[in-house]
């Protein structure tokens, strides 16, 4: 939701955009769900999302997407 926090509202978008491994997600409204270096929204993107989840109005760690 571009408020700096990663929360349930963001998960709703992620869930709607989940395409599965190897299935391109080309809906422009799903751009924010593409969290890794490919064009599908799958379990790899979910792992990034879970690392970044911070809660409502709680800023996410800016390096969460690059952590292993």
PDB file of N, CA and C in Angstrom:
ATOM      1  N   UNK A   1       0.816  -1.211   0.000  1.00  0.00           N
ATOM      2  CA  UNK A   1       0.000   0.000   0.000  1.00  0.00           C
ATOM      3  C   UNK A   1       0.851   1.262   0.000  1.00  0.00           C
ATOM      4  N   UNK A   2       2.151   1.096  -0.152  1.00  0.00           N
ATOM      5  CA  UNK A   2       3.104   2.209  -0.259  1.00  0.00           C
ATOM      6  C   UNK A   2       3.125   3.117   0.966  1.00  0.00           C
ATOM      7  N   UNK A   3       2.783   2.568   2.144  1.00  0.00           N
ATOM      8  CA  UNK A   3       2.840   3.347   3.379  1.00  0.00           C
ATOM      9  C   UNK A   3       4.107   3.043   4.168  1.00  0.00           C
ATOM     10  N   UNK A   4       4.983   2.209   3.616  1.00  0.00           N
ATOM     11  CA  UNK A   4       6.226   1.861   4.275  1.00  0.00           C
ATOM     12  C   UNK A   4       6.151   0.581   5.087  1.00  0.00           C
ATOM     13  N   UNK A   5       4.939   0.198   5.470  1.00  0.00           N
ATOM     14  CA  UNK A   5       4.757  -1.036   6.220  1.00  0.00           C
ATOM     15  C   UNK A   5       4.324  -2.165   5.302  1.00  0.00           C
ATOM     16  N   UNK A   6       4.613  -3.384   5.706  1.00  0.00           N
ATOM     17  CA  UNK A   6       4.178  -4.563   4.962  1.00  0.00           C
ATOM     18  C   UNK A   6       3.233  -5.315   5.878  1.00  0.00           C
ATOM     19  N   UNK A   7       1.952  -5.383   5.478  1.00  0.00           N
ATOM     20  CA  UNK A   7       0.934  -5.907   6.381  1.00  0.00           C
ATOM     21  C   UNK A   7      -0.126  -6.710   5.641  1.00  0.00           C
ATOM     22  N   UNK A   8      -1.237  -6.990   6.304  1.00  0.00           N
ATOM     23  CA  UNK A   8      -2.306  -7.805   5.733  1.00  0.00           C
ATOM     24  C   UNK A   8      -2.872  -7.207   4.445  1.00  0.00           C
ATOM     25  N   UNK A   9      -2.964  -5.899   4.361  1.00  0.00           N
ATOM     26  CA  UNK A   9      -3.439  -5.263   3.131  1.00  0.00           C
ATOM     27  C   UNK A   9      -2.535  -5.590   1.963  1.00  0.00           C
ATOM     28  N   UNK A  10      -1.250  -5.572   2.204  1.00  0.00           N
ATOM     29  CA  UNK A  10      -0.279  -5.921   1.166  1.00  0.00           C
ATOM     30  C   UNK A  10      -0.369  -7.411   0.831  1.00  0.00           C
ATOM     31  N   UNK A  11      -0.636  -8.233   1.843  1.00  0.00           N
ATOM     32  CA  UNK A  11      -0.770  -9.661   1.588  1.00  0.00           C
ATOM     33  C   UNK A  11      -1.975  -9.935   0.686  1.00  0.00           C
ATOM     34  N   UNK A  12      -3.041  -9.157   0.840  1.00  0.00           N
ATOM     35  CA  UNK A  12      -4.205  -9.317  -0.032  1.00  0.00           C
ATOM     36  C   UNK A  12      -3.829  -9.113  -1.490  1.00  0.00           C
ATOM     37  N   UNK A  13      -3.039  -8.081  -1.770  1.00  0.00           N
ATOM     38  CA  UNK A  13      -2.560  -7.848  -3.138  1.00  0.00           C
ATOM     39  C   UNK A  13      -1.687  -9.016  -3.582  1.00  0.00           C
ATOM     40  N   UNK A  14      -0.769  -9.430  -2.725  1.00  0.00           N
ATOM     41  CA  UNK A  14       0.121 -10.535  -3.066  1.00  0.00           C
ATOM     42  C   UNK A  14      -0.684 -11.790  -3.399  1.00  0.00           C
ATOM     43  N   UNK A  15      -1.657 -12.085  -2.576  1.00  0.00           N
ATOM     44  CA  UNK A  15      -2.476 -13.282  -2.770  1.00  0.00           C
ATOM     45  C   UNK A  15      -3.239 -13.225  -4.094  1.00  0.00           C
ATOM     46  N   UNK A  16      -3.775 -12.054  -4.425  1.00  0.00           N
ATOM     47  CA  UNK A  16      -4.510 -11.880  -5.675  1.00  0.00           C
ATOM     48  C   UNK A  16      -3.600 -12.052  -6.884  1.00  0.00           C
ATOM     49  N   UNK A  17      -2.340 -11.678  -6.729  1.00  0.00           N
ATOM     50  CA  UNK A  17      -1.393 -11.705  -7.843  1.00  0.00           C
ATOM     51  C   UNK A  17      -0.618 -13.010  -7.963  1.00  0.00           C
ATOM     52  N   UNK A  18      -0.737 -13.897  -6.994  1.00  0.00           N
ATOM     53  CA  UNK A  18       0.015 -15.156  -7.004  1.00  0.00           C
ATOM     54  C   UNK A  18      -0.312 -15.913  -8.290  1.00  0.00           C
ATOM     55  N   UNK A  19       0.721 -16.192  -9.099  1.00  0.00           N
ATOM     56  CA  UNK A  19       0.509 -16.872 -10.381  1.00  0.00           C
ATOM     57  C   UNK A  19       1.026 -18.301 -10.366  1.00  0.00           C
ATOM     58  N   UNK A  20       2.007 -18.559  -9.542  1.00  0.00           N
ATOM     59  CA  UNK A  20       2.622 -19.878  -9.491  1.00  0.00           C
ATOM     60  C   UNK A  20       3.959 -19.888 -10.206  1.00  0.00           C
ATOM     61  N   UNK A  21       4.756 -20.855  -9.874  1.00  0.00           N
ATOM     62  CA  UNK A  21       6.105 -20.966 -10.417  1.00  0.00           C
ATOM     63  C   UNK A  21       6.092 -21.151 -11.939  1.00  0.00           C
ATOM     64  N   UNK A  22       6.849 -20.295 -12.633  1.00  0.00           N
ATOM     65  CA  UNK A  22       6.978 -20.389 -14.080  1.00  0.00           C
ATOM     66  C   UNK A  22       5.827 -19.799 -14.870  1.00  0.00           C
ATOM     67  N   UNK A  23       4.845 -19.211 -14.194  1.00  0.00           N
ATOM     68  CA  UNK A  23       3.697 -18.613 -14.886  1.00  0.00           C
ATOM     69  C   UNK A  23       3.816 -17.095 -14.759  1.00  0.00           C
ATOM     70  N   UNK A  24       4.101 -16.437 -15.871  1.00  0.00           N
ATOM     71  CA  UNK A  24       4.298 -14.981 -15.865  1.00  0.00           C
ATOM     72  C   UNK A  24       3.089 -14.258 -15.295  1.00  0.00           C
ATOM     73  N   UNK A  25       3.374 -13.251 -14.486  1.00  0.00           N
ATOM     74  CA  UNK A  25       2.332 -12.362 -13.970  1.00  0.00           C
ATOM     75  C   UNK A  25       2.514 -11.043 -14.714  1.00  0.00           C
ATOM     76  N   UNK A  26       1.623 -10.768 -15.674  1.00  0.00           N
ATOM     77  CA  UNK A  26       1.788  -9.559 -16.495  1.00  0.00           C
ATOM     78  C   UNK A  26       0.727  -8.503 -16.230  1.00  0.00           C
ATOM     79  N   UNK A  27      -0.040  -8.659 -15.170  1.00  0.00           N
ATOM     80  CA  UNK A  27      -1.021  -7.647 -14.779  1.00  0.00           C
ATOM     81  C   UNK A  27      -0.264  -6.458 -14.178  1.00  0.00           C
ATOM     82  N   UNK A  28      -0.363  -5.275 -14.775  1.00  0.00           N
ATOM     83  CA  UNK A  28       0.371  -4.111 -14.264  1.00  0.00           C
ATOM     84  C   UNK A  28       0.058  -3.794 -12.797  1.00  0.00           C
ATOM     85  N   UNK A  29      -1.123  -4.130 -12.319  1.00  0.00           N
ATOM     86  CA  UNK A  29      -1.457  -3.843 -10.925  1.00  0.00           C
ATOM     87  C   UNK A  29      -0.731  -4.787  -9.968  1.00  0.00           C
ATOM     88  N   UNK A  30      -0.060  -5.797 -10.489  1.00  0.00           N
ATOM     89  CA  UNK A  30       0.669  -6.763  -9.670  1.00  0.00           C
ATOM     90  C   UNK A  30       2.169  -6.500  -9.618  1.00  0.00           C
ATOM     91  N   UNK A  31       2.604  -5.386 -10.156  1.00  0.00           N
ATOM     92  CA  UNK A  31       4.026  -5.072 -10.185  1.00  0.00           C
ATOM     93  C   UNK A  31       4.656  -5.134  -8.793  1.00  0.00           C
ATOM     94  N   UNK A  32       3.941  -4.679  -7.768  1.00  0.00           N
ATOM     95  CA  UNK A  32       4.488  -4.672  -6.413  1.00  0.00           C
ATOM     96  C   UNK A  32       4.619  -6.070  -5.816  1.00  0.00           C
ATOM     97  N   UNK A  33       3.998  -7.069  -6.434  1.00  0.00           N
ATOM     98  CA  UNK A  33       4.093  -8.444  -5.936  1.00  0.00           C
ATOM     99  C   UNK A  33       5.272  -9.199  -6.549  1.00  0.00           C
ATOM    100  N   UNK A  34       5.916  -8.614  -7.544  1.00  0.00           N
ATOM    101  CA  UNK A  34       7.092  -9.234  -8.164  1.00  0.00           C
ATOM    102  C   UNK A  34       8.303  -8.898  -7.295  1.00  0.00           C
ATOM    103  N   UNK A  35       8.603  -9.763  -6.351  1.00  0.00           N
ATOM    104  CA  UNK A  35       9.593  -9.447  -5.321  1.00  0.00           C
ATOM    105  C   UNK A  35      10.964 -10.081  -5.532  1.00  0.00           C
ATOM    106  N   UNK A  36      11.079 -10.971  -6.507  1.00  0.00           N
ATOM    107  CA  UNK A  36      12.395 -11.527  -6.819  1.00  0.00           C
ATOM    108  C   UNK A  36      12.743 -11.182  -8.260  1.00  0.00           C
ATOM    109  N   UNK A  37      13.724 -11.814  -8.808  1.00  0.00           N
ATOM    110  CA  UNK A  37      14.257 -11.400 -10.107  1.00  0.00           C
ATOM    111  C   UNK A  37      13.667 -12.140 -11.299  1.00  0.00           C
ATOM    112  N   UNK A  38      12.375 -12.472 -11.238  1.00  0.00           N
ATOM    113  CA  UNK A  38      11.731 -13.104 -12.391  1.00  0.00           C
ATOM    114  C   UNK A  38      10.337 -12.512 -12.588  1.00  0.00           C
ATOM    115  N   UNK A  39       9.564 -13.095 -13.470  1.00  0.00           N
ATOM    116  CA  UNK A  39       8.277 -12.496 -13.848  1.00  0.00           C
ATOM    117  C   UNK A  39       7.070 -13.257 -13.329  1.00  0.00           C
ATOM    118  N   UNK A  40       7.304 -14.257 -12.464  1.00  0.00           N
ATOM    119  CA  UNK A  40       6.171 -14.925 -11.840  1.00  0.00           C
ATOM    120  C   UNK A  40       6.056 -14.487 -10.379  1.00  0.00           C
ATOM    121  N   UNK A  41       4.913 -14.743  -9.784  1.00  0.00           N
ATOM    122  CA  UNK A  41       4.711 -14.508  -8.351  1.00  0.00           C
ATOM    123  C   UNK A  41       4.475 -15.887  -7.745  1.00  0.00           C
ATOM    124  N   UNK A  42       5.486 -16.364  -7.016  1.00  0.00           N
ATOM    125  CA  UNK A  42       5.442 -17.727  -6.510  1.00  0.00           C
ATOM    126  C   UNK A  42       5.999 -17.809  -5.089  1.00  0.00           C
ATOM    127  N   UNK A  43       6.361 -19.010  -4.679  1.00  0.00           N
ATOM    128  CA  UNK A  43       6.833 -19.222  -3.309  1.00  0.00           C
ATOM    129  C   UNK A  43       8.128 -18.460  -3.014  1.00  0.00           C
ATOM    130  N   UNK A  44       8.923 -18.173  -4.024  1.00  0.00           N
ATOM    131  CA  UNK A  44      10.134 -17.381  -3.796  1.00  0.00           C
ATOM    132  C   UNK A  44       9.759 -15.945  -3.425  1.00  0.00           C
ATOM    133  N   UNK A  45       8.761 -15.396  -4.106  1.00  0.00           N
ATOM    134  CA  UNK A  45       8.278 -14.054  -3.774  1.00  0.00           C
ATOM    135  C   UNK A  45       7.645 -14.057  -2.377  1.00  0.00           C
ATOM    136  N   UNK A  46       6.947 -15.139  -2.045  1.00  0.00           N
ATOM    137  CA  UNK A  46       6.333 -15.242  -0.715  1.00  0.00           C
ATOM    138  C   UNK A  46       7.402 -15.224   0.370  1.00  0.00           C
ATOM    139  N   UNK A  47       8.528 -15.877   0.148  1.00  0.00           N
ATOM    140  CA  UNK A  47       9.617 -15.853   1.128  1.00  0.00           C
ATOM    141  C   UNK A  47      10.110 -14.435   1.365  1.00  0.00           C
ATOM    142  N   UNK A  48      10.259 -13.673   0.290  1.00  0.00           N
ATOM    143  CA  UNK A  48      10.669 -12.267   0.425  1.00  0.00           C
ATOM    144  C   UNK A  48       9.602 -11.498   1.194  1.00  0.00           C
ATOM    145  N   UNK A  49       8.340 -11.696   0.828  1.00  0.00           N
ATOM    146  CA  UNK A  49       7.248 -10.999   1.504  1.00  0.00           C
ATOM    147  C   UNK A  49       7.283 -11.272   3.010  1.00  0.00           C
ATOM    148  N   UNK A  50       7.450 -12.530   3.382  1.00  0.00           N
ATOM    149  CA  UNK A  50       7.437 -12.898   4.800  1.00  0.00           C
ATOM    150  C   UNK A  50       8.611 -12.262   5.549  1.00  0.00           C
ATOM    151  N   UNK A  51       9.781 -12.175   4.915  1.00  0.00           N
ATOM    152  CA  UNK A  51      10.925 -11.509   5.553  1.00  0.00           C
ATOM    153  C   UNK A  51      10.654 -10.028   5.768  1.00  0.00           C
ATOM    154  N   UNK A  52       9.864  -9.435   4.887  1.00  0.00           N
ATOM    155  CA  UNK A  52       9.618  -7.998   4.939  1.00  0.00           C
ATOM    156  C   UNK A  52       8.399  -7.615   5.771  1.00  0.00           C
ATOM    157  N   UNK A  53       7.560  -8.581   6.125  1.00  0.00           N
ATOM    158  CA  UNK A  53       6.330  -8.267   6.861  1.00  0.00           C
ATOM    159  C   UNK A  53       6.681  -7.543   8.158  1.00  0.00           C
ATOM    160  N   UNK A  54       6.052  -6.398   8.348  1.00  0.00           N
ATOM    161  CA  UNK A  54       6.373  -5.568   9.512  1.00  0.00           C
ATOM    162  C   UNK A  54       5.144  -5.246  10.355  1.00  0.00           C
ATOM    163  N   UNK A  55       3.985  -5.177   9.735  1.00  0.00           N
ATOM    164  CA  UNK A  55       2.769  -4.802  10.445  1.00  0.00           C
ATOM    165  C   UNK A  55       2.247  -3.461   9.968  1.00  0.00           C
ATOM    166  N   UNK A  56       1.023  -3.193  10.313  1.00  0.00           N
ATOM    167  CA  UNK A  56       0.367  -1.963   9.898  1.00  0.00           C
ATOM    168  C   UNK A  56       1.056  -0.729  10.475  1.00  0.00           C
ATOM    169  N   UNK A  57       1.391   0.190   9.613  1.00  0.00           N
ATOM    170  CA  UNK A  57       2.022   1.458   9.980  1.00  0.00           C
ATOM    171  C   UNK A  57       3.384   1.290  10.653  1.00  0.00           C
ATOM    172  N   UNK A  58       4.015   0.123  10.478  1.00  0.00           N
ATOM    173  CA  UNK A  58       5.352  -0.131  11.010  1.00  0.00           C
ATOM    174  C   UNK A  58       6.297  -0.229   9.817  1.00  0.00           C
ATOM    175  N   UNK A  59       7.236   0.688   9.685  1.00  0.00           N
ATOM    176  CA  UNK A  59       8.126   0.665   8.528  1.00  0.00           C
ATOM    177  C   UNK A  59       8.885  -0.662   8.414  1.00  0.00           C
ATOM    178  N   UNK A  60       8.932  -1.184   7.215  1.00  0.00           N
ATOM    179  CA  UNK A  60       9.675  -2.419   6.959  1.00  0.00           C
ATOM    180  C   UNK A  60      11.164  -2.120   6.883  1.00  0.00           C
ATOM    181  N   UNK A  61      11.968  -3.095   7.197  1.00  0.00           N
ATOM    182  CA  UNK A  61      13.414  -3.004   7.046  1.00  0.00           C
ATOM    183  C   UNK A  61      13.710  -2.815   5.557  1.00  0.00           C
ATOM    184  N   UNK A  62      14.396  -1.756   5.202  1.00  0.00           N
ATOM    185  CA  UNK A  62      14.631  -1.454   3.784  1.00  0.00           C
ATOM    186  C   UNK A  62      15.502  -2.488   3.094  1.00  0.00           C
ATOM    187  N   UNK A  63      16.234  -3.298   3.836  1.00  0.00           N
ATOM    188  CA  UNK A  63      17.074  -4.315   3.220  1.00  0.00           C
ATOM    189  C   UNK A  63      16.457  -5.707   3.298  1.00  0.00           C
ATOM    190  N   UNK A  64      15.194  -5.812   3.704  1.00  0.00           N
ATOM    191  CA  UNK A  64      14.576  -7.124   3.906  1.00  0.00           C
ATOM    192  C   UNK A  64      14.520  -7.954   2.621  1.00  0.00           C
ATOM    193  N   UNK A  65      14.368  -7.344   1.496  1.00  0.00           N
ATOM    194  CA  UNK A  65      14.238  -8.085   0.237  1.00  0.00           C
ATOM    195  C   UNK A  65      15.559  -8.684  -0.222  1.00  0.00           C
ATOM    196  N   UNK A  66      16.667  -8.166   0.278  1.00  0.00           N
ATOM    197  CA  UNK A  66      17.964  -8.651  -0.161  1.00  0.00           C
ATOM    198  C   UNK A  66      18.598  -9.601   0.850  1.00  0.00           C
ATOM    199  N   UNK A  67      17.986  -9.782   1.995  1.00  0.00           N
ATOM    200  CA  UNK A  67      18.520 -10.685   3.017  1.00  0.00           C
ATOM    201  C   UNK A  67      18.288 -12.125   2.594  1.00  0.00           C
ATOM    202  N   UNK A  68      19.153 -12.993   3.007  1.00  0.00           N
ATOM    203  CA  UNK A  68      19.011 -14.430   2.724  1.00  0.00           C
ATOM    204  C   UNK A  68      18.421 -15.122   3.910  1.00  0.00           C
TER     205      UNK A  68
END
